[in-house]
C-alpha atoms as a PDB file:
ATOM      1  CA  UNK A   1      -7.888 -63.065  80.717  1.00  0.00           C
ATOM      2  CA  UNK A   2      -4.798 -61.111  81.732  1.00  0.00           C
ATOM      3  CA  UNK A   3      -4.387 -57.643  80.323  1.00  0.00           C
ATOM      4  CA  UNK A   4      -1.024 -56.051  79.767  1.00  0.00           C
ATOM      5  CA  UNK A   5       0.048 -53.467  82.299  1.00  0.00           C
ATOM      6  CA  UNK A   6       0.150 -49.916  80.977  1.00  0.00           C
ATOM      7  CA  UNK A   7       3.570 -48.801  79.844  1.00  0.00           C
ATOM      8  CA  UNK A   8       5.486 -46.656  82.294  1.00  0.00           C
ATOM      9  CA  UNK A   9       8.213 -45.648  79.850  1.00  0.00           C
ATOM     10  CA  UNK A  10       8.634 -41.901  79.607  1.00  0.00           C
ATOM     11  CA  UNK A  11       7.834 -40.434  76.206  1.00  0.00           C
ATOM     12  CA  UNK A  12      10.792 -39.240  74.166  1.00  0.00           C
ATOM     13  CA  UNK A  13      11.553 -35.601  74.832  1.00  0.00           C
ATOM     14  CA  UNK A  14      10.941 -33.263  71.937  1.00  0.00           C
ATOM     15  CA  UNK A  15      13.994 -31.726  70.369  1.00  0.00           C
ATOM     16  CA  UNK A  16      13.810 -28.068  69.368  1.00  0.00           C
ATOM     17  CA  UNK A  17      15.202 -26.397  66.231  1.00  0.00           C
ATOM     18  CA  UNK A  18      18.599 -26.050  67.899  1.00  0.00           C
ATOM     19  CA  UNK A  19      18.852 -29.811  68.422  1.00  0.00           C
ATOM     20  CA  UNK A  20      18.280 -29.523  72.181  1.00  0.00           C
ATOM     21  CA  UNK A  21      15.551 -30.715  74.514  1.00  0.00           C
ATOM     22  CA  UNK A  22      13.691 -28.177  76.640  1.00  0.00           C
ATOM     23  CA  UNK A  23      15.862 -29.003  79.683  1.00  0.00           C
ATOM     24  CA  UNK A  24      18.990 -28.521  77.571  1.00  0.00           C
ATOM     25  CA  UNK A  25      17.711 -25.244  76.081  1.00  0.00           C
ATOM     26  CA  UNK A  26      17.178 -23.910  79.603  1.00  0.00           C
ATOM     27  CA  UNK A  27      20.480 -25.278  80.850  1.00  0.00           C
ATOM     28  CA  UNK A  28      22.453 -23.769  77.964  1.00  0.00           C
ATOM     29  CA  UNK A  29      21.818 -20.205  79.183  1.00  0.00           C
ATOM     30  CA  UNK A  30      22.805 -20.901  82.795  1.00  0.00           C
ATOM     31  CA  UNK A  31      26.235 -20.861  84.422  1.00  0.00           C
ATOM     32  CA  UNK A  32      26.333 -23.163  87.437  1.00  0.00           C
ATOM     33  CA  UNK A  33      28.684 -23.762  90.336  1.00  0.00           C
ATOM     34  CA  UNK A  34      28.596 -26.439  93.033  1.00  0.00           C
ATOM     35  CA  UNK A  35      30.271 -27.028  96.364  1.00  0.00           C
ATOM     36  CA  UNK A  36      32.879 -29.705  96.946  1.00  0.00           C
ATOM     37  CA  UNK A  37      34.444 -32.201  94.590  1.00  0.00           C
ATOM     38  CA  UNK A  38      32.729 -33.515  91.456  1.00  0.00           C
ATOM     39  CA  UNK A  39      30.428 -36.315  92.656  1.00  0.00           C
ATOM     40  CA  UNK A  40      28.537 -38.774  90.460  1.00  0.00           C
ATOM     41  CA  UNK A  41      25.079 -37.211  90.985  1.00  0.00           C
ATOM     42  CA  UNK A  42      26.426 -33.762  90.063  1.00  0.00           C
ATOM     43  CA  UNK A  43      27.954 -35.089  86.855  1.00  0.00           C
ATOM     44  CA  UNK A  44      24.752 -36.978  85.986  1.00  0.00           C
ATOM     45  CA  UNK A  45      22.655 -33.850  86.516  1.00  0.00           C
ATOM     46  CA  UNK A  46      25.079 -31.870  84.354  1.00  0.00           C
ATOM     47  CA  UNK A  47      24.831 -34.471  81.591  1.00  0.00           C
ATOM     48  CA  UNK A  48      21.022 -34.253  81.638  1.00  0.00           C
ATOM     49  CA  UNK A  49      20.676 -30.480  81.805  1.00  0.00           C
ATOM     50  CA  UNK A  50      23.670 -29.470  79.633  1.00  0.00           C
ATOM     51  CA  UNK A  51      24.490 -26.264  81.480  1.00  0.00           C
ATOM     52  CA  UNK A  52      26.187 -23.579  79.443  1.00  0.00           C
ATOM     53  CA  UNK A  53      28.972 -22.768  81.870  1.00  0.00           C
ATOM     54  CA  UNK A  54      30.829 -23.881  84.977  1.00  0.00           C
ATOM     55  CA  UNK A  55      31.631 -21.287  87.670  1.00  0.00           C
ATOM     56  CA  UNK A  56      34.589 -22.226  89.870  1.00  0.00           C
ATOM     57  CA  UNK A  57      35.450 -20.126  92.936  1.00  0.00           C
ATOM     58  CA  UNK A  58      37.380 -20.419  96.192  1.00  0.00           C
ATOM     59  CA  UNK A  59      34.179 -20.526  98.207  1.00  0.00           C
ATOM     60  CA  UNK A  60      33.035 -23.713  96.479  1.00  0.00           C
ATOM     61  CA  UNK A  61      36.280 -25.567  97.263  1.00  0.00           C
ATOM     62  CA  UNK A  62      36.062 -27.686  94.124  1.00  0.00           C
ATOM     63  CA  UNK A  63      39.764 -28.539  93.944  1.00  0.00           C
ATOM     64  CA  UNK A  64      42.932 -28.333  96.012  1.00  0.00           C
ATOM     65  CA  UNK A  65      45.432 -27.999  93.170  1.00  0.00           C
ATOM     66  CA  UNK A  66      45.712 -26.847  89.575  1.00  0.00           C
ATOM     67  CA  UNK A  67      45.935 -30.460  88.376  1.00  0.00           C
ATOM     68  CA  UNK A  68      42.752 -31.531  90.169  1.00  0.00           C
ATOM     69  CA  UNK A  69      40.916 -28.472  88.845  1.00  0.00           C
ATOM     70  CA  UNK A  70      42.027 -29.344  85.306  1.00  0.00           C
ATOM     71  CA  UNK A  71      40.712 -32.892  85.785  1.00  0.00           C
ATOM     72  CA  UNK A  72      37.379 -31.599  87.133  1.00  0.00           C
ATOM     73  CA  UNK A  73      36.806 -29.261  84.187  1.00  0.00           C
ATOM     74  CA  UNK A  74      37.805 -32.002  81.720  1.00  0.00           C
ATOM     75  CA  UNK A  75      35.301 -34.424  83.288  1.00  0.00           C
ATOM     76  CA  UNK A  76      32.463 -31.913  82.965  1.00  0.00           C
ATOM     77  CA  UNK A  77      33.417 -31.127  79.371  1.00  0.00           C
ATOM     78  CA  UNK A  78      33.315 -34.825  78.473  1.00  0.00           C
ATOM     79  CA  UNK A  79      29.577 -34.975  79.236  1.00  0.00           C
ATOM     80  CA  UNK A  80      28.809 -31.632  77.552  1.00  0.00           C
ATOM     81  CA  UNK A  81      27.364 -31.621  74.030  1.00  0.00           C
ATOM     82  CA  UNK A  82      28.578 -28.088  73.349  1.00  0.00           C
ATOM     83  CA  UNK A  83      31.600 -25.923  74.082  1.00  0.00           C
ATOM     84  CA  UNK A  84      31.533 -25.532  77.831  1.00  0.00           C
ATOM     85  CA  UNK A  85      32.648 -22.209  79.306  1.00  0.00           C
ATOM     86  CA  UNK A  86      34.576 -22.595  82.574  1.00  0.00           C
ATOM     87  CA  UNK A  87      35.020 -19.292  84.423  1.00  0.00           C
ATOM     88  CA  UNK A  88      35.874 -17.818  87.759  1.00  0.00           C
ATOM     89  CA  UNK A  89      33.721 -15.177  89.420  1.00  0.00           C
ATOM     90  CA  UNK A  90      34.154 -12.129  91.628  1.00  0.00           C
ATOM     91  CA  UNK A  91      33.396 -12.644  95.301  1.00  0.00           C
ATOM     92  CA  UNK A  92      32.798  -9.598  97.478  1.00  0.00           C
ATOM     93  CA  UNK A  93      34.678  -7.233  95.204  1.00  0.00           C
ATOM     94  CA  UNK A  94      37.596  -9.579  94.475  1.00  0.00           C
ATOM     95  CA  UNK A  95      38.401 -11.914  91.594  1.00  0.00           C
ATOM     96  CA  UNK A  96      39.161 -15.370  92.980  1.00  0.00           C
ATOM     97  CA  UNK A  97      40.568 -18.426  91.306  1.00  0.00           C
ATOM     98  CA  UNK A  98      39.215 -21.768  92.427  1.00  0.00           C
ATOM     99  CA  UNK A  99      42.393 -22.981  94.127  1.00  0.00           C
ATOM    100  CA  UNK A 100      42.736 -22.180  97.815  1.00  0.00           C
ATOM    101  CA  UNK A 101      46.471 -21.508  97.570  1.00  0.00           C
ATOM    102  CA  UNK A 102      45.889 -18.589  95.158  1.00  0.00           C
ATOM    103  CA  UNK A 103      44.899 -15.352  96.885  1.00  0.00           C
ATOM    104  CA  UNK A 104      42.052 -13.189  95.606  1.00  0.00           C
ATOM    105  CA  UNK A 105      42.853 -10.018  93.656  1.00  0.00           C
ATOM    106  CA  UNK A 106      40.917  -6.755  94.210  1.00  0.00           C
ATOM    107  CA  UNK A 107      38.199  -5.974  91.676  1.00  0.00           C
ATOM    108  CA  UNK A 108      38.574  -2.361  90.432  1.00  0.00           C
ATOM    109  CA  UNK A 109      35.468  -0.232  90.973  1.00  0.00           C
ATOM    110  CA  UNK A 110      33.342  -0.118  87.818  1.00  0.00           C
ATOM    111  CA  UNK A 111      34.301  -3.587  86.608  1.00  0.00           C
ATOM    112  CA  UNK A 112      32.007  -5.436  89.012  1.00  0.00           C
ATOM    113  CA  UNK A 113      28.839  -4.430  87.151  1.00  0.00           C
ATOM    114  CA  UNK A 114      26.542  -7.209  86.039  1.00  0.00           C
ATOM    115  CA  UNK A 115      24.905  -7.448  82.632  1.00  0.00           C
ATOM    116  CA  UNK A 116      21.123  -7.645  82.684  1.00  0.00           C
ATOM    117  CA  UNK A 117      19.250  -8.950  79.663  1.00  0.00           C
ATOM    118  CA  UNK A 118      16.056 -10.855  78.938  1.00  0.00           C
ATOM    119  CA  UNK A 119      16.375 -14.644  79.191  1.00  0.00           C
ATOM    120  CA  UNK A 120      15.297 -15.157  75.563  1.00  0.00           C
ATOM    121  CA  UNK A 121      17.920 -12.686  74.312  1.00  0.00           C
ATOM    122  CA  UNK A 122      20.563 -14.378  76.454  1.00  0.00           C
ATOM    123  CA  UNK A 123      19.576 -17.742  74.992  1.00  0.00           C
ATOM    124  CA  UNK A 124      19.781 -16.416  71.424  1.00  0.00           C
ATOM    125  CA  UNK A 125      23.210 -14.892  72.068  1.00  0.00           C
ATOM    126  CA  UNK A 126      24.546 -18.117  73.587  1.00  0.00           C
ATOM    127  CA  UNK A 127      23.242 -20.278  70.741  1.00  0.00           C
ATOM    128  CA  UNK A 128      24.516 -17.845  68.095  1.00  0.00           C
ATOM    129  CA  UNK A 129      27.944 -18.042  69.679  1.00  0.00           C
ATOM    130  CA  UNK A 130      27.938 -21.820  70.064  1.00  0.00           C
ATOM    131  CA  UNK A 131      27.010 -22.354  66.423  1.00  0.00           C
ATOM    132  CA  UNK A 132      29.008 -19.364  65.109  1.00  0.00           C
ATOM    133  CA  UNK A 133      25.886 -18.531  63.111  1.00  0.00           C
ATOM    134  CA  UNK A 134      26.942 -15.066  61.941  1.00  0.00           C
ATOM    135  CA  UNK A 135      29.848 -16.581  60.005  1.00  0.00           C
ATOM    136  CA  UNK A 136      27.411 -18.290  57.608  1.00  0.00           C
ATOM    137  CA  UNK A 137      25.154 -16.047  55.480  1.00  0.00           C
ATOM    138  CA  UNK A 138      21.491 -16.612  56.337  1.00  0.00           C
ATOM    139  CA  UNK A 139      22.193 -18.995  59.228  1.00  0.00           C
ATOM    140  CA  UNK A 140      20.557 -16.654  61.729  1.00  0.00           C
ATOM    141  CA  UNK A 141      17.684 -14.164  61.414  1.00  0.00           C
ATOM    142  CA  UNK A 142      16.957 -10.962  63.300  1.00  0.00           C
ATOM    143  CA  UNK A 143      13.259  -9.981  63.477  1.00  0.00           C
ATOM    144  CA  UNK A 144      12.599 -12.315  60.556  1.00  0.00           C
ATOM    145  CA  UNK A 145      15.393 -10.986  58.325  1.00  0.00           C
ATOM    146  CA  UNK A 146      18.263 -13.367  57.463  1.00  0.00           C
ATOM    147  CA  UNK A 147      21.656 -11.870  58.347  1.00  0.00           C
ATOM    148  CA  UNK A 148      24.419 -11.779  55.740  1.00  0.00           C
ATOM    149  CA  UNK A 149      27.409  -9.732  56.902  1.00  0.00           C
ATOM    150  CA  UNK A 150      28.804  -9.612  53.369  1.00  0.00           C
ATOM    151  CA  UNK A 151      25.889  -7.320  52.460  1.00  0.00           C
ATOM    152  CA  UNK A 152      27.203  -4.642  54.836  1.00  0.00           C
ATOM    153  CA  UNK A 153      29.104  -2.457  52.390  1.00  0.00           C
ATOM    154  CA  UNK A 154      29.516   0.723  54.463  1.00  0.00           C
ATOM    155  CA  UNK A 155      33.032   1.863  55.357  1.00  0.00           C
ATOM    156  CA  UNK A 156      34.239   0.193  58.539  1.00  0.00           C
ATOM    157  CA  UNK A 157      36.902   0.892  61.156  1.00  0.00           C
ATOM    158  CA  UNK A 158      37.409  -2.219  63.277  1.00  0.00           C
ATOM    159  CA  UNK A 159      39.530  -2.143  66.453  1.00  0.00           C
ATOM    160  CA  UNK A 160      40.884  -5.125  68.413  1.00  0.00           C
ATOM    161  CA  UNK A 161      43.215  -5.480  71.420  1.00  0.00           C
ATOM    162  CA  UNK A 162      46.303  -7.650  71.032  1.00  0.00           C
ATOM    163  CA  UNK A 163      46.021  -8.875  74.646  1.00  0.00           C
ATOM    164  CA  UNK A 164      42.222  -9.095  74.782  1.00  0.00           C
ATOM    165  CA  UNK A 165      41.260 -12.189  76.808  1.00  0.00           C
ATOM    166  CA  UNK A 166      37.545 -11.948  75.934  1.00  0.00           C
ATOM    167  CA  UNK A 167      37.623 -11.155  72.202  1.00  0.00           C
ATOM    168  CA  UNK A 168      40.872 -12.615  70.801  1.00  0.00           C
ATOM    169  CA  UNK A 169      42.188 -10.256  68.140  1.00  0.00           C
ATOM    170  CA  UNK A 170      42.555 -13.076  65.601  1.00  0.00           C
ATOM    171  CA  UNK A 171      38.799 -13.741  65.884  1.00  0.00           C
ATOM    172  CA  UNK A 172      38.114 -10.001  65.484  1.00  0.00           C
ATOM    173  CA  UNK A 173      40.251  -9.989  62.346  1.00  0.00           C
ATOM    174  CA  UNK A 174      38.372 -12.951  60.866  1.00  0.00           C
ATOM    175  CA  UNK A 175      35.069 -11.274  61.785  1.00  0.00           C
ATOM    176  CA  UNK A 176      36.122  -8.091  59.977  1.00  0.00           C
ATOM    177  CA  UNK A 177      36.782 -10.150  56.859  1.00  0.00           C
ATOM    178  CA  UNK A 178      33.125 -11.230  56.868  1.00  0.00           C
ATOM    179  CA  UNK A 179      32.008  -7.666  56.155  1.00  0.00           C
ATOM    180  CA  UNK A 180      31.371  -6.625  52.558  1.00  0.00           C
ATOM    181  CA  UNK A 181      32.984  -3.199  52.845  1.00  0.00           C
ATOM    182  CA  UNK A 182      35.439  -2.125  50.135  1.00  0.00           C
ATOM    183  CA  UNK A 183      36.908   0.422  52.570  1.00  0.00           C
ATOM    184  CA  UNK A 184      37.670  -1.434  55.771  1.00  0.00           C
ATOM    185  CA  UNK A 185      40.500  -0.489  58.137  1.00  0.00           C
ATOM    186  CA  UNK A 186      41.499  -3.000  60.802  1.00  0.00           C
ATOM    187  CA  UNK A 187      43.398  -1.611  63.779  1.00  0.00           C
ATOM    188  CA  UNK A 188      45.220  -3.783  66.305  1.00  0.00           C
ATOM    189  CA  UNK A 189      45.887  -1.835  69.483  1.00  0.00           C
ATOM    190  CA  UNK A 190      48.225  -2.657  72.328  1.00  0.00           C
ATOM    191  CA  UNK A 191      46.699  -3.722  75.680  1.00  0.00           C
ATOM    192  CA  UNK A 192      43.632  -5.773  76.531  1.00  0.00           C
ATOM    193  CA  UNK A 193      39.858  -5.716  76.503  1.00  0.00           C
ATOM    194  CA  UNK A 194      39.310  -2.262  78.016  1.00  0.00           C
ATOM    195  CA  UNK A 195      42.675  -0.479  77.839  1.00  0.00           C
ATOM    196  CA  UNK A 196      42.955  -1.150  74.099  1.00  0.00           C
ATOM    197  CA  UNK A 197      39.952   1.137  73.552  1.00  0.00           C
ATOM    198  CA  UNK A 198      40.278   3.555  76.472  1.00  0.00           C
ATOM    199  CA  UNK A 199      43.678   4.536  75.151  1.00  0.00           C
ATOM    200  CA  UNK A 200      44.120   8.331  74.950  1.00  0.00           C
ATOM    201  CA  UNK A 201      47.173   9.837  73.210  1.00  0.00           C
ATOM    202  CA  UNK A 202      50.329  10.445  75.200  1.00  0.00           C
ATOM    203  CA  UNK A 203      50.904   6.935  76.542  1.00  0.00           C
ATOM    204  CA  UNK A 204      54.547   6.057  75.771  1.00  0.00           C
ATOM    205  CA  UNK A 205      53.805   2.340  76.059  1.00  0.00           C
ATOM    206  CA  UNK A 206      50.885   2.382  73.598  1.00  0.00           C
ATOM    207  CA  UNK A 207      51.170   1.240  69.995  1.00  0.00           C
ATOM    208  CA  UNK A 208      48.995   0.022  67.148  1.00  0.00           C
ATOM    209  CA  UNK A 209      49.062  -1.582  63.727  1.00  0.00           C
ATOM    210  CA  UNK A 210      46.587  -0.803  60.945  1.00  0.00           C
ATOM    211  CA  UNK A 211      45.704  -1.958  57.453  1.00  0.00           C
ATOM    212  CA  UNK A 212      43.160  -3.707  55.268  1.00  0.00           C
ATOM    213  CA  UNK A 213      42.067  -7.325  55.739  1.00  0.00           C
ATOM    214  CA  UNK A 214      42.939  -8.770  52.343  1.00  0.00           C
ATOM    215  CA  UNK A 215      45.397 -11.195  53.974  1.00  0.00           C
ATOM    216  CA  UNK A 216      43.485 -14.355  55.041  1.00  0.00           C
ATOM    217  CA  UNK A 217      45.901 -15.311  57.848  1.00  0.00           C
ATOM    218  CA  UNK A 218      45.878 -13.043  60.949  1.00  0.00           C
ATOM    219  CA  UNK A 219      49.405 -14.101  61.870  1.00  0.00           C
ATOM    220  CA  UNK A 220      50.762 -13.131  58.455  1.00  0.00           C
ATOM    221  CA  UNK A 221      48.923  -9.801  58.700  1.00  0.00           C
ATOM    222  CA  UNK A 222      50.571  -9.135  62.065  1.00  0.00           C
ATOM    223  CA  UNK A 223      54.020  -9.818  60.670  1.00  0.00           C
ATOM    224  CA  UNK A 224      53.488  -7.502  57.701  1.00  0.00           C
ATOM    225  CA  UNK A 225      51.683  -4.615  59.419  1.00  0.00           C
ATOM    226  CA  UNK A 226      53.798  -1.618  60.446  1.00  0.00           C
ATOM    227  CA  UNK A 227      53.874  -0.862  64.171  1.00  0.00           C
ATOM    228  CA  UNK A 228      53.009   2.739  65.108  1.00  0.00           C
ATOM    229  CA  UNK A 229      53.754   4.340  68.460  1.00  0.00           C
ATOM    230  CA  UNK A 230      51.157   5.994  70.719  1.00  0.00           C
ATOM    231  CA  UNK A 231      47.357   5.721  70.574  1.00  0.00           C
ATOM    232  CA  UNK A 232      45.223   4.802  67.562  1.00  0.00           C
ATOM    233  CA  UNK A 233      42.793   7.637  68.380  1.00  0.00           C
ATOM    234  CA  UNK A 234      44.437  10.221  66.064  1.00  0.00           C
ATOM    235  CA  UNK A 235      44.364   7.640  63.262  1.00  0.00           C
ATOM    236  CA  UNK A 236      40.620   7.206  63.819  1.00  0.00           C
ATOM    237  CA  UNK A 237      40.075  10.989  63.829  1.00  0.00           C
ATOM    238  CA  UNK A 238      41.876  11.236  60.486  1.00  0.00           C
ATOM    239  CA  UNK A 239      39.773   8.374  59.100  1.00  0.00           C
ATOM    240  CA  UNK A 240      36.584  10.166  60.165  1.00  0.00           C
ATOM    241  CA  UNK A 241      37.730  13.512  58.724  1.00  0.00           C
ATOM    242  CA  UNK A 242      38.245  11.880  55.314  1.00  0.00           C
ATOM    243  CA  UNK A 243      34.557  10.978  55.377  1.00  0.00           C
ATOM    244  CA  UNK A 244      33.283  14.441  56.308  1.00  0.00           C
END
């Protein structure tokens, strides 16, 4: 009598509440770089682990031209099941693109700080962003309480930067519209991520627009909003004074 050999097939991996396997859950909170061109084993490992981000720097020598770098990022994104973040990094106090022909730019002191947070919190933040959970009432919970931004009815003063490369102002505008406040003032400042906020009065190049968020389309709001010269800080002080 011949008995059947025991099965060697690997059991199916369990999928968590976010629709990811354990390997993918871990990978989603990690940004990874690699040296050299994109080889088959690297791409296969990326497909299995589903890393959250790709770091490309001069030191890794991933590409020799802008076109080849575009092709590399596109290839990695094709095997990613989520929105892949591709980013450069700062090396030794300088911000470097991944193409050898582009020189590194100095990193101003104070902007090279790293952000430290617990791995579980990082995971929750990444998944909330990937699924845009806060845009849907009750789609995400904090300490067991479902979050519904429309229930936030306190007065709100929301500021965005027109040249912000991290938080696009159009997304900030749409986020402000999620709030349930009847007294919400949206301010669009000149400059980018930091200078839009650290924007004291007296700058002749500064300007801002302000208004409510009744208009659904950010572009239409921009066209209709009056442009004011100088900083938005005095406007904010006046807004606070009205509220005691």
